[in-house]
Amino acid sequence: MTTVASRADARRLARMAVQKRLAACVQCIPGVRSSYRWKGKIVESSEILLLFKTAKKALPGLMKAIKATHPYSVPEIVVVRVSTGSKEYLDWISSETGR
């Protein structure tokens, strides 16, 4: 997952990941309110949360692509491992992120 400040950036990152088959699906969730410390100051901002649905084999490429195209100098990239899920859905993710 990652966050961005604008809908345009969210659409651009989501489309890039799906076009390059680095993610089978990207959900863009607006309305996230973030509070964090940046360069010694507390900042509050509205962001869009992007959830990338990908397979383990595609993860290194996805992380590299996010870092290369993300508008933030230090983008949030957090990986949440799926321990179980619908076999059909997980198979679909694997097939869509295959080469």
PDB file of N, CA and C in Angstrom:
ATOM      1  N   MET A   1       0.838  -1.179   0.000  1.00  0.00           N
ATOM      2  CA  MET A   1       0.000   0.000   0.000  1.00  0.00           C
ATOM      3  C   MET A   1       0.879   1.236   0.000  1.00  0.00           C
ATOM      4  N   THR A   2       0.315   2.303  -0.493  1.00  0.00           N
ATOM      5  CA  THR A   2       0.979   3.595  -0.475  1.00  0.00           C
ATOM      6  C   THR A   2      -0.088   4.676  -0.415  1.00  0.00           C
ATOM      7  N   THR A   3       0.326   5.908  -0.168  1.00  0.00           N
ATOM      8  CA  THR A   3      -0.590   7.039  -0.174  1.00  0.00           C
ATOM      9  C   THR A   3      -0.055   8.119  -1.095  1.00  0.00           C
ATOM     10  N   VAL A   4      -0.985   8.902  -1.654  1.00  0.00           N
ATOM     11  CA  VAL A   4      -0.632  10.057  -2.491  1.00  0.00           C
ATOM     12  C   VAL A   4      -1.596  11.189  -2.141  1.00  0.00           C
ATOM     13  N   ALA A   5      -1.242  12.396  -2.585  1.00  0.00           N
ATOM     14  CA  ALA A   5      -2.054  13.561  -2.251  1.00  0.00           C
ATOM     15  C   ALA A   5      -3.160  13.850  -3.263  1.00  0.00           C
ATOM     16  N   SER A   6      -2.998  13.411  -4.507  1.00  0.00           N
ATOM     17  CA  SER A   6      -3.974  13.802  -5.528  1.00  0.00           C
ATOM     18  C   SER A   6      -4.581  12.593  -6.243  1.00  0.00           C
ATOM     19  N   ARG A   7      -5.782  12.818  -6.759  1.00  0.00           N
ATOM     20  CA  ARG A   7      -6.456  11.776  -7.548  1.00  0.00           C
ATOM     21  C   ARG A   7      -5.673  11.463  -8.821  1.00  0.00           C
ATOM     22  N   ALA A   8      -5.058  12.489  -9.412  1.00  0.00           N
ATOM     23  CA  ALA A   8      -4.273  12.279 -10.634  1.00  0.00           C
ATOM     24  C   ALA A   8      -3.097  11.348 -10.354  1.00  0.00           C
ATOM     25  N   ASP A   9      -2.407  11.554  -9.235  1.00  0.00           N
ATOM     26  CA  ASP A   9      -1.285  10.673  -8.884  1.00  0.00           C
ATOM     27  C   ASP A   9      -1.782   9.262  -8.588  1.00  0.00           C
ATOM     28  N   ALA A  10      -2.920   9.153  -7.922  1.00  0.00           N
ATOM     29  CA  ALA A  10      -3.486   7.836  -7.617  1.00  0.00           C
ATOM     30  C   ALA A  10      -3.813   7.089  -8.910  1.00  0.00           C
ATOM     31  N   ARG A  11      -4.487   7.769  -9.832  1.00  0.00           N
ATOM     32  CA  ARG A  11      -4.830   7.134 -11.115  1.00  0.00           C
ATOM     33  C   ARG A  11      -3.573   6.730 -11.883  1.00  0.00           C
ATOM     34  N   ARG A  12      -2.571   7.612 -11.894  1.00  0.00           N
ATOM     35  CA  ARG A  12      -1.339   7.342 -12.640  1.00  0.00           C
ATOM     36  C   ARG A  12      -0.614   6.118 -12.078  1.00  0.00           C
ATOM     37  N   LEU A  13      -0.458   6.041 -10.750  1.00  0.00           N
ATOM     38  CA  LEU A  13       0.222   4.893 -10.146  1.00  0.00           C
ATOM     39  C   LEU A  13      -0.577   3.607 -10.336  1.00  0.00           C
ATOM     40  N   ALA A  14      -1.894   3.686 -10.179  1.00  0.00           N
ATOM     41  CA  ALA A  14      -2.734   2.491 -10.337  1.00  0.00           C
ATOM     42  C   ALA A  14      -2.655   1.964 -11.762  1.00  0.00           C
ATOM     43  N   ARG A  15      -2.798   2.859 -12.727  1.00  0.00           N
ATOM     44  CA  ARG A  15      -2.763   2.444 -14.134  1.00  0.00           C
ATOM     45  C   ARG A  15      -1.405   1.867 -14.496  1.00  0.00           C
ATOM     46  N   MET A  16      -0.339   2.499 -14.038  1.00  0.00           N
ATOM     47  CA  MET A  16       1.013   2.007 -14.319  1.00  0.00           C
ATOM     48  C   MET A  16       1.187   0.579 -13.799  1.00  0.00           C
ATOM     49  N   ALA A  17       0.760   0.333 -12.559  1.00  0.00           N
ATOM     50  CA  ALA A  17       0.948  -0.986 -11.948  1.00  0.00           C
ATOM     51  C   ALA A  17       0.168  -2.066 -12.684  1.00  0.00           C
ATOM     52  N   VAL A  18      -1.056  -1.755 -13.091  1.00  0.00           N
ATOM     53  CA  VAL A  18      -1.876  -2.752 -13.798  1.00  0.00           C
ATOM     54  C   VAL A  18      -1.367  -2.948 -15.224  1.00  0.00           C
ATOM     55  N   GLN A  19      -1.022  -1.859 -15.919  1.00  0.00           N
ATOM     56  CA  GLN A  19      -0.514  -1.993 -17.290  1.00  0.00           C
ATOM     57  C   GLN A  19       0.762  -2.822 -17.347  1.00  0.00           C
ATOM     58  N   LYS A  20       1.644  -2.639 -16.364  1.00  0.00           N
ATOM     59  CA  LYS A  20       2.909  -3.388 -16.341  1.00  0.00           C
ATOM     60  C   LYS A  20       2.771  -4.767 -15.717  1.00  0.00           C
ATOM     61  N   ARG A  21       1.546  -5.142 -15.351  1.00  0.00           N
ATOM     62  CA  ARG A  21       1.254  -6.440 -14.731  1.00  0.00           C
ATOM     63  C   ARG A  21       2.000  -6.627 -13.415  1.00  0.00           C
ATOM     64  N   LEU A  22       2.215  -5.515 -12.716  1.00  0.00           N
ATOM     65  CA  LEU A  22       2.830  -5.556 -11.393  1.00  0.00           C
ATOM     66  C   LEU A  22       1.772  -5.709 -10.309  1.00  0.00           C
ATOM     67  N   ALA A  23       0.525  -5.427 -10.657  1.00  0.00           N
ATOM     68  CA  ALA A  23      -0.617  -5.616  -9.762  1.00  0.00           C
ATOM     69  C   ALA A  23      -1.810  -6.041 -10.604  1.00  0.00           C
ATOM     70  N   ALA A  24      -2.632  -6.907 -10.037  1.00  0.00           N
ATOM     71  CA  ALA A  24      -3.849  -7.336 -10.736  1.00  0.00           C
ATOM     72  C   ALA A  24      -4.942  -6.284 -10.582  1.00  0.00           C
ATOM     73  N   CYS A  25      -4.894  -5.566  -9.485  1.00  0.00           N
ATOM     74  CA  CYS A  25      -5.921  -4.582  -9.156  1.00  0.00           C
ATOM     75  C   CYS A  25      -5.313  -3.566  -8.200  1.00  0.00           C
ATOM     76  N   VAL A  26      -5.742  -2.319  -8.305  1.00  0.00           N
ATOM     77  CA  VAL A  26      -5.339  -1.296  -7.342  1.00  0.00           C
ATOM     78  C   VAL A  26      -6.602  -0.572  -6.911  1.00  0.00           C
ATOM     79  N   GLN A  27      -6.864  -0.567  -5.630  1.00  0.00           N
ATOM     80  CA  GLN A  27      -7.999   0.167  -5.093  1.00  0.00           C
ATOM     81  C   GLN A  27      -7.505   1.519  -4.593  1.00  0.00           C
ATOM     82  N   CYS A  28      -8.192   2.587  -4.998  1.00  0.00           N
ATOM     83  CA  CYS A  28      -7.851   3.949  -4.598  1.00  0.00           C
ATOM     84  C   CYS A  28      -8.940   4.437  -3.649  1.00  0.00           C
ATOM     85  N   ILE A  29      -8.567   4.652  -2.405  1.00  0.00           N
ATOM     86  CA  ILE A  29      -9.529   4.997  -1.361  1.00  0.00           C
ATOM     87  C   ILE A  29      -9.295   6.437  -0.913  1.00  0.00           C
ATOM     88  N   PRO A  30     -10.167   7.353  -1.327  1.00  0.00           N
ATOM     89  CA  PRO A  30      -9.992   8.758  -0.942  1.00  0.00           C
ATOM     90  C   PRO A  30     -10.444   9.001   0.504  1.00  0.00           C
ATOM     91  N   GLY A  31     -10.094  10.168   1.016  1.00  0.00           N
ATOM     92  CA  GLY A  31     -10.595  10.576   2.321  1.00  0.00           C
ATOM     93  C   GLY A  31      -9.749  10.138   3.501  1.00  0.00           C
ATOM     94  N   VAL A  32      -8.533   9.676   3.255  1.00  0.00           N
ATOM     95  CA  VAL A  32      -7.647   9.288   4.345  1.00  0.00           C
ATOM     96  C   VAL A  32      -7.059  10.568   4.945  1.00  0.00           C
ATOM     97  N   ARG A  33      -7.071  10.676   6.247  1.00  0.00           N
ATOM     98  CA  ARG A  33      -6.486  11.824   6.935  1.00  0.00           C
ATOM     99  C   ARG A  33      -5.231  11.336   7.646  1.00  0.00           C
ATOM    100  N   SER A  34      -4.074  11.890   7.282  1.00  0.00           N
ATOM    101  CA  SER A  34      -2.796  11.455   7.846  1.00  0.00           C
ATOM    102  C   SER A  34      -2.210  12.537   8.748  1.00  0.00           C
ATOM    103  N   SER A  35      -1.663  12.119   9.867  1.00  0.00           N
ATOM    104  CA  SER A  35      -0.923  12.996  10.778  1.00  0.00           C
ATOM    105  C   SER A  35       0.448  12.376  10.960  1.00  0.00           C
ATOM    106  N   TYR A  36       1.497  13.163  10.734  1.00  0.00           N
ATOM    107  CA  TYR A  36       2.855  12.628  10.821  1.00  0.00           C
ATOM    108  C   TYR A  36       3.848  13.750  11.077  1.00  0.00           C
ATOM    109  N   ARG A  37       5.036  13.368  11.495  1.00  0.00           N
ATOM    110  CA  ARG A  37       6.110  14.324  11.698  1.00  0.00           C
ATOM    111  C   ARG A  37       6.989  14.301  10.457  1.00  0.00           C
ATOM    112  N   TRP A  38       7.246  15.464   9.861  1.00  0.00           N
ATOM    113  CA  TRP A  38       8.085  15.569   8.680  1.00  0.00           C
ATOM    114  C   TRP A  38       8.977  16.786   8.819  1.00  0.00           C
ATOM    115  N   LYS A  39      10.280  16.547   8.776  1.00  0.00           N
ATOM    116  CA  LYS A  39      11.280  17.613   8.884  1.00  0.00           C
ATOM    117  C   LYS A  39      11.059  18.470  10.124  1.00  0.00           C
ATOM    118  N   GLY A  40      10.785  17.775  11.242  1.00  0.00           N
ATOM    119  CA  GLY A  40      10.660  18.441  12.524  1.00  0.00           C
ATOM    120  C   GLY A  40       9.321  19.078  12.824  1.00  0.00           C
ATOM    121  N   LYS A  41       8.365  18.989  11.915  1.00  0.00           N
ATOM    122  CA  LYS A  41       7.048  19.590  12.122  1.00  0.00           C
ATOM    123  C   LYS A  41       5.966  18.530  12.036  1.00  0.00           C
ATOM    124  N   ILE A  42       4.889  18.743  12.788  1.00  0.00           N
ATOM    125  CA  ILE A  42       3.744  17.848  12.690  1.00  0.00           C
ATOM    126  C   ILE A  42       2.867  18.340  11.554  1.00  0.00           C
ATOM    127  N   VAL A  43       2.548  17.424  10.659  1.00  0.00           N
ATOM    128  CA  VAL A  43       1.780  17.735   9.454  1.00  0.00           C
ATOM    129  C   VAL A  43       0.492  16.922   9.471  1.00  0.00           C
ATOM    130  N   GLU A  44      -0.582  17.537   9.027  1.00  0.00           N
ATOM    131  CA  GLU A  44      -1.841  16.829   8.820  1.00  0.00           C
ATOM    132  C   GLU A  44      -2.250  17.070   7.379  1.00  0.00           C
ATOM    133  N   SER A  45      -2.603  15.997   6.683  1.00  0.00           N
ATOM    134  CA  SER A  45      -2.957  16.148   5.273  1.00  0.00           C
ATOM    135  C   SER A  45      -4.008  15.123   4.854  1.00  0.00           C
ATOM    136  N   SER A  46      -4.719  15.470   3.796  1.00  0.00           N
ATOM    137  CA  SER A  46      -5.657  14.536   3.178  1.00  0.00           C
ATOM    138  C   SER A  46      -4.906  13.744   2.125  1.00  0.00           C
ATOM    139  N   GLU A  47      -5.126  12.448   2.099  1.00  0.00           N
ATOM    140  CA  GLU A  47      -4.435  11.598   1.137  1.00  0.00           C
ATOM    141  C   GLU A  47      -5.402  10.562   0.571  1.00  0.00           C
ATOM    142  N   ILE A  48      -4.925   9.883  -0.445  1.00  0.00           N
ATOM    143  CA  ILE A  48      -5.643   8.761  -1.054  1.00  0.00           C
ATOM    144  C   ILE A  48      -4.793   7.521  -0.796  1.00  0.00           C
ATOM    145  N   LEU A  49      -5.412   6.494  -0.252  1.00  0.00           N
ATOM    146  CA  LEU A  49      -4.732   5.238   0.031  1.00  0.00           C
ATOM    147  C   LEU A  49      -4.875   4.320  -1.172  1.00  0.00           C
ATOM    148  N   LEU A  50      -3.766   3.792  -1.649  1.00  0.00           N
ATOM    149  CA  LEU A  50      -3.774   2.833  -2.758  1.00  0.00           C
ATOM    150  C   LEU A  50      -3.427   1.457  -2.213  1.00  0.00           C
ATOM    151  N   LEU A  51      -4.300   0.497  -2.489  1.00  0.00           N
ATOM    152  CA  LEU A  51      -4.060  -0.897  -2.114  1.00  0.00           C
ATOM    153  C   LEU A  51      -3.780  -1.679  -3.385  1.00  0.00           C
ATOM    154  N   PHE A  52      -2.565  -2.160  -3.522  1.00  0.00           N
ATOM    155  CA  PHE A  52      -2.138  -2.919  -4.698  1.00  0.00           C
ATOM    156  C   PHE A  52      -2.332  -4.401  -4.410  1.00  0.00           C
ATOM    157  N   LYS A  53      -3.056  -5.093  -5.264  1.00  0.00           N
ATOM    158  CA  LYS A  53      -3.247  -6.543  -5.132  1.00  0.00           C
ATOM    159  C   LYS A  53      -2.230  -7.195  -6.064  1.00  0.00           C
ATOM    160  N   THR A  54      -1.216  -7.816  -5.462  1.00  0.00           N
ATOM    161  CA  THR A  54      -0.143  -8.389  -6.267  1.00  0.00           C
ATOM    162  C   THR A  54       0.304  -9.720  -5.697  1.00  0.00           C
ATOM    163  N   ALA A  55       1.147 -10.400  -6.432  1.00  0.00           N
ATOM    164  CA  ALA A  55       1.712 -11.676  -6.007  1.00  0.00           C
ATOM    165  C   ALA A  55       3.144 -11.454  -5.534  1.00  0.00           C
ATOM    166  N   LYS A  56       3.612 -12.355  -4.717  1.00  0.00           N
ATOM    167  CA  LYS A  56       4.965 -12.241  -4.152  1.00  0.00           C
ATOM    168  C   LYS A  56       6.017 -12.081  -5.245  1.00  0.00           C
ATOM    169  N   LYS A  57       5.851 -12.812  -6.339  1.00  0.00           N
ATOM    170  CA  LYS A  57       6.847 -12.765  -7.420  1.00  0.00           C
ATOM    171  C   LYS A  57       6.908 -11.392  -8.089  1.00  0.00           C
ATOM    172  N   ALA A  58       5.813 -10.637  -8.058  1.00  0.00           N
ATOM    173  CA  ALA A  58       5.771  -9.320  -8.698  1.00  0.00           C
ATOM    174  C   ALA A  58       6.157  -8.189  -7.740  1.00  0.00           C
ATOM    175  N   LEU A  59       6.274  -8.496  -6.465  1.00  0.00           N
ATOM    176  CA  LEU A  59       6.508  -7.465  -5.459  1.00  0.00           C
ATOM    177  C   LEU A  59       7.794  -6.657  -5.666  1.00  0.00           C
ATOM    178  N   PRO A  60       8.941  -7.273  -5.943  1.00  0.00           N
ATOM    179  CA  PRO A  60      10.150  -6.460  -6.151  1.00  0.00           C
ATOM    180  C   PRO A  60      10.000  -5.447  -7.286  1.00  0.00           C
ATOM    181  N   GLY A  61       9.399  -5.863  -8.395  1.00  0.00           N
ATOM    182  CA  GLY A  61       9.188  -4.953  -9.516  1.00  0.00           C
ATOM    183  C   GLY A  61       8.206  -3.847  -9.178  1.00  0.00           C
ATOM    184  N   LEU A  62       7.156  -4.188  -8.432  1.00  0.00           N
ATOM    185  CA  LEU A  62       6.167  -3.189  -8.025  1.00  0.00           C
ATOM    186  C   LEU A  62       6.809  -2.150  -7.112  1.00  0.00           C
ATOM    187  N   MET A  63       7.578  -2.594  -6.147  1.00  0.00           N
ATOM    188  CA  MET A  63       8.220  -1.658  -5.229  1.00  0.00           C
ATOM    189  C   MET A  63       9.179  -0.730  -5.975  1.00  0.00           C
ATOM    190  N   LYS A  64       9.938  -1.271  -6.907  1.00  0.00           N
ATOM    191  CA  LYS A  64      10.865  -0.465  -7.703  1.00  0.00           C
ATOM    192  C   LYS A  64      10.105   0.573  -8.533  1.00  0.00           C
ATOM    193  N   ALA A  65       8.989   0.159  -9.141  1.00  0.00           N
ATOM    194  CA  ALA A  65       8.196   1.062  -9.973  1.00  0.00           C
ATOM    195  C   ALA A  65       7.549   2.166  -9.137  1.00  0.00           C
ATOM    196  N   ILE A  66       7.055   1.820  -7.955  1.00  0.00           N
ATOM    197  CA  ILE A  66       6.468   2.844  -7.076  1.00  0.00           C
ATOM    198  C   ILE A  66       7.528   3.868  -6.689  1.00  0.00           C
ATOM    199  N   LYS A  67       8.691   3.390  -6.267  1.00  0.00           N
ATOM    200  CA  LYS A  67       9.767   4.313  -5.875  1.00  0.00           C
ATOM    201  C   LYS A  67      10.177   5.226  -7.035  1.00  0.00           C
ATOM    202  N   ALA A  68      10.179   4.696  -8.244  1.00  0.00           N
ATOM    203  CA  ALA A  68      10.618   5.468  -9.416  1.00  0.00           C
ATOM    204  C   ALA A  68       9.591   6.504  -9.866  1.00  0.00           C
ATOM    205  N   THR A  69       8.313   6.271  -9.589  1.00  0.00           N
ATOM    206  CA  THR A  69       7.278   7.151 -10.129  1.00  0.00           C
ATOM    207  C   THR A  69       6.480   7.906  -9.076  1.00  0.00           C
ATOM    208  N   HIS A  70       6.679   7.616  -7.823  1.00  0.00           N
ATOM    209  CA  HIS A  70       5.898   8.238  -6.749  1.00  0.00           C
ATOM    210  C   HIS A  70       6.292   9.700  -6.585  1.00  0.00           C
ATOM    211  N   PRO A  71       5.317  10.590  -6.359  1.00  0.00           N
ATOM    212  CA  PRO A  71       5.644  12.014  -6.222  1.00  0.00           C
ATOM    213  C   PRO A  71       6.311  12.384  -4.892  1.00  0.00           C
ATOM    214  N   TYR A  72       6.218  11.546  -3.876  1.00  0.00           N
ATOM    215  CA  TYR A  72       6.828  11.865  -2.579  1.00  0.00           C
ATOM    216  C   TYR A  72       8.309  11.490  -2.590  1.00  0.00           C
ATOM    217  N   SER A  73       9.131  12.245  -1.870  1.00  0.00           N
ATOM    218  CA  SER A  73      10.559  11.922  -1.787  1.00  0.00           C
ATOM    219  C   SER A  73      10.792  10.657  -0.967  1.00  0.00           C
ATOM    220  N   VAL A  74       9.917  10.391  -0.006  1.00  0.00           N
ATOM    221  CA  VAL A  74       9.972   9.159   0.782  1.00  0.00           C
ATOM    222  C   VAL A  74       8.572   8.547   0.765  1.00  0.00           C
ATOM    223  N   PRO A  75       8.256   7.776  -0.280  1.00  0.00           N
ATOM    224  CA  PRO A  75       6.904   7.208  -0.357  1.00  0.00           C
ATOM    225  C   PRO A  75       6.692   6.099   0.665  1.00  0.00           C
ATOM    226  N   GLU A  76       5.477   6.052   1.180  1.00  0.00           N
ATOM    227  CA  GLU A  76       5.080   4.930   2.030  1.00  0.00           C
ATOM    228  C   GLU A  76       4.948   3.707   1.125  1.00  0.00           C
ATOM    229  N   ILE A  77       5.655   2.658   1.465  1.00  0.00           N
ATOM    230  CA  ILE A  77       5.455   1.366   0.796  1.00  0.00           C
ATOM    231  C   ILE A  77       5.400   0.336   1.917  1.00  0.00           C
ATOM    232  N   VAL A  78       4.206  -0.188   2.156  1.00  0.00           N
ATOM    233  CA  VAL A  78       3.994  -1.150   3.223  1.00  0.00           C
ATOM    234  C   VAL A  78       3.390  -2.406   2.606  1.00  0.00           C
ATOM    235  N   VAL A  79       3.938  -3.552   2.975  1.00  0.00           N
ATOM    236  CA  VAL A  79       3.458  -4.825   2.450  1.00  0.00           C
ATOM    237  C   VAL A  79       2.742  -5.581   3.567  1.00  0.00           C
ATOM    238  N   VAL A  80       1.512  -5.985   3.293  1.00  0.00           N
ATOM    239  CA  VAL A  80       0.738  -6.806   4.217  1.00  0.00           C
ATOM    240  C   VAL A  80       0.580  -8.171   3.567  1.00  0.00           C
ATOM    241  N   ARG A  81       1.143  -9.155   4.186  1.00  0.00           N
ATOM    242  CA  ARG A  81       1.100 -10.505   3.638  1.00  0.00           C
ATOM    243  C   ARG A  81      -0.279 -11.130   3.855  1.00  0.00           C
ATOM    244  N   VAL A  82      -0.808 -11.773   2.843  1.00  0.00           N
ATOM    245  CA  VAL A  82      -2.103 -12.448   2.930  1.00  0.00           C
ATOM    246  C   VAL A  82      -1.851 -13.887   3.363  1.00  0.00           C
ATOM    247  N   SER A  83      -2.464 -14.275   4.477  1.00  0.00           N
ATOM    248  CA  SER A  83      -2.261 -15.642   4.953  1.00  0.00           C
ATOM    249  C   SER A  83      -3.289 -16.605   4.373  1.00  0.00           C
ATOM    250  N   THR A  84      -4.452 -16.086   4.007  1.00  0.00           N
ATOM    251  CA  THR A  84      -5.480 -16.930   3.397  1.00  0.00           C
ATOM    252  C   THR A  84      -6.457 -16.041   2.634  1.00  0.00           C
ATOM    253  N   GLY A  85      -7.193 -16.651   1.747  1.00  0.00           N
ATOM    254  CA  GLY A  85      -8.176 -15.918   0.952  1.00  0.00           C
ATOM    255  C   GLY A  85      -8.838 -16.862  -0.025  1.00  0.00           C
ATOM    256  N   SER A  86      -9.749 -16.330  -0.791  1.00  0.00           N
ATOM    257  CA  SER A  86     -10.432 -17.123  -1.799  1.00  0.00           C
ATOM    258  C   SER A  86      -9.413 -17.652  -2.808  1.00  0.00           C
ATOM    259  N   LYS A  87      -9.371 -18.959  -2.997  1.00  0.00           N
ATOM    260  CA  LYS A  87      -8.415 -19.559  -3.922  1.00  0.00           C
ATOM    261  C   LYS A  87      -8.570 -18.983  -5.323  1.00  0.00           C
ATOM    262  N   GLU A  88      -9.809 -18.814  -5.756  1.00  0.00           N
ATOM    263  CA  GLU A  88     -10.055 -18.296  -7.101  1.00  0.00           C
ATOM    264  C   GLU A  88      -9.508 -16.868  -7.252  1.00  0.00           C
ATOM    265  N   TYR A  89      -9.699 -16.043  -6.235  1.00  0.00           N
ATOM    266  CA  TYR A  89      -9.214 -14.662  -6.292  1.00  0.00           C
ATOM    267  C   TYR A  89      -7.688 -14.629  -6.263  1.00  0.00           C
ATOM    268  N   LEU A  90      -7.088 -15.399  -5.378  1.00  0.00           N
ATOM    269  CA  LEU A  90      -5.624 -15.433  -5.282  1.00  0.00           C
ATOM    270  C   LEU A  90      -5.012 -15.995  -6.563  1.00  0.00           C
ATOM    271  N   ASP A  91      -5.662 -16.984  -7.170  1.00  0.00           N
ATOM    272  CA  ASP A  91      -5.194 -17.518  -8.454  1.00  0.00           C
ATOM    273  C   ASP A  91      -5.271 -16.448  -9.547  1.00  0.00           C
ATOM    274  N   TRP A  92      -6.352 -15.652  -9.520  1.00  0.00           N
ATOM    275  CA  TRP A  92      -6.509 -14.567 -10.496  1.00  0.00           C
ATOM    276  C   TRP A  92      -5.388 -13.548 -10.347  1.00  0.00           C
ATOM    277  N   ILE A  93      -5.074 -13.165  -9.117  1.00  0.00           N
ATOM    278  CA  ILE A  93      -3.971 -12.224  -8.887  1.00  0.00           C
ATOM    279  C   ILE A  93      -2.675 -12.799  -9.455  1.00  0.00           C
ATOM    280  N   SER A  94      -2.421 -14.048  -9.175  1.00  0.00           N
ATOM    281  CA  SER A  94      -1.207 -14.693  -9.671  1.00  0.00           C
ATOM    282  C   SER A  94      -1.167 -14.714 -11.195  1.00  0.00           C
ATOM    283  N   SER A  95      -2.292 -15.029 -11.821  1.00  0.00           N
ATOM    284  CA  SER A  95      -2.303 -15.085 -13.292  1.00  0.00           C
ATOM    285  C   SER A  95      -2.149 -13.696 -13.915  1.00  0.00           C
ATOM    286  N   GLU A  96      -2.709 -12.670 -13.300  1.00  0.00           N
ATOM    287  CA  GLU A  96      -2.627 -11.313 -13.843  1.00  0.00           C
ATOM    288  C   GLU A  96      -1.260 -10.671 -13.640  1.00  0.00           C
ATOM    289  N   THR A  97      -0.501 -11.163 -12.694  1.00  0.00           N
ATOM    290  CA  THR A  97       0.833 -10.595 -12.441  1.00  0.00           C
ATOM    291  C   THR A  97       1.932 -11.489 -12.985  1.00  0.00           C
ATOM    292  N   GLY A  98       1.547 -12.511 -13.721  1.00  0.00           N
ATOM    293  CA  GLY A  98       2.524 -13.413 -14.337  1.00  0.00           C
ATOM    294  C   GLY A  98       3.122 -12.787 -15.587  1.00  0.00           C
ATOM    295  N   ARG A  99       4.198 -13.340 -16.019  1.00  0.00           N
ATOM    296  CA  ARG A  99       4.864 -12.837 -17.227  1.00  0.00           C
ATOM    297  C   ARG A  99       4.726 -13.862 -18.335  1.00  0.00           C
TER     298      ARG A  99
END
